Amino acid sequence: MKRILSACLEQTIKFESEEEHQAFIANLNRKGVKHKVVGAKSQPDNSVMVKLIRDYNRHPIGDYFD
């Protein structure tokens, strides 16, 4: 039988505003989702592009955040 020992998701998300981005991060914190913002860039149209790594289905994250 196979088992998942560690897992994570790498996402790039475009938010329409900085407020939307902050609300998303606050929601992750509220839910206890382990995450790490790798990079964030403001765009000319006032949107925000964020690259982040987050846990996947509460599996252990192993050394992904190191």
Protein backbone atom coordinates (compact mmCIF):
# COMPACT_ATOMS: atom_id res chain seq x y z
CA MET A 1 0.00 0.00 0.00
CA LYS A 2 1.30 3.47 -0.79
CA ARG A 3 1.14 6.44 1.58
CA ILE A 4 1.63 10.13 1.07
CA LEU A 5 4.50 11.17 3.31
CA SER A 6 4.47 14.87 2.44
CA ALA A 7 2.64 17.10 -0.01
CA CYS A 8 2.11 20.74 -0.90
CA LEU A 9 0.62 22.93 -3.59
CA GLU A 10 2.47 25.69 -5.40
CA GLN A 11 0.04 28.32 -6.63
CA THR A 12 0.22 31.56 -8.55
CA ILE A 13 -2.87 33.65 -7.88
CA LYS A 14 -3.90 37.01 -9.34
CA PHE A 15 -5.93 39.15 -6.95
CA GLU A 16 -7.89 42.18 -8.16
CA SER A 17 -6.66 44.27 -5.22
CA GLU A 18 -4.30 44.26 -2.25
CA GLU A 19 -7.31 44.06 0.07
CA GLU A 20 -8.49 40.86 -1.63
CA HIS A 21 -4.98 39.42 -1.25
CA GLN A 22 -4.85 40.30 2.46
CA ALA A 23 -8.32 38.79 3.01
CA PHE A 24 -7.18 35.54 1.36
CA ILE A 25 -4.07 35.33 3.55
CA ALA A 26 -6.14 36.13 6.66
CA ASN A 27 -8.54 33.32 5.72
CA LEU A 28 -5.65 30.84 5.40
CA ASN A 29 -4.40 31.92 8.83
CA ARG A 30 -7.88 31.64 10.34
CA LYS A 31 -8.29 28.11 8.97
CA GLY A 32 -4.83 27.10 10.17
CA VAL A 33 -3.55 26.30 6.68
CA LYS A 34 0.25 26.23 6.66
CA HIS A 35 1.52 28.47 3.88
CA LYS A 36 4.50 30.49 2.71
CA VAL A 37 4.33 33.44 0.33
CA VAL A 38 7.24 33.04 -2.07
CA GLY A 39 6.70 36.27 -3.98
CA ALA A 40 4.20 39.05 -4.53
CA LYS A 41 4.18 41.69 -7.27
CA SER A 42 1.91 44.67 -7.77
CA GLN A 43 0.74 44.99 -11.37
CA PRO A 44 0.13 48.23 -13.33
CA ASP A 45 -3.66 47.64 -13.16
CA ASN A 46 -3.47 47.61 -9.30
CA SER A 47 -3.89 43.83 -9.17
CA VAL A 48 -1.47 41.65 -7.19
CA MET A 49 0.24 38.47 -8.41
CA VAL A 50 1.17 36.15 -5.54
CA LYS A 51 3.15 32.94 -5.66
CA LEU A 52 2.70 30.75 -2.60
CA ILE A 53 3.26 27.27 -1.27
CA ARG A 54 0.58 25.75 0.95
CA ASP A 55 -0.18 22.42 2.53
CA TYR A 56 -2.34 19.94 0.68
CA ASN A 57 -5.30 18.33 2.48
CA ARG A 58 -3.56 18.63 5.86
CA HIS A 59 -0.79 16.23 4.81
CA PRO A 60 2.61 16.79 6.43
CA ILE A 61 4.60 19.42 4.52
CA GLY A 62 7.99 17.75 4.97
CA ASP A 63 10.85 20.04 3.96
CA TYR A 64 8.93 22.07 1.37
CA PHE A 65 9.09 25.25 3.47
CA ASP A 66 12.84 25.00 4.17
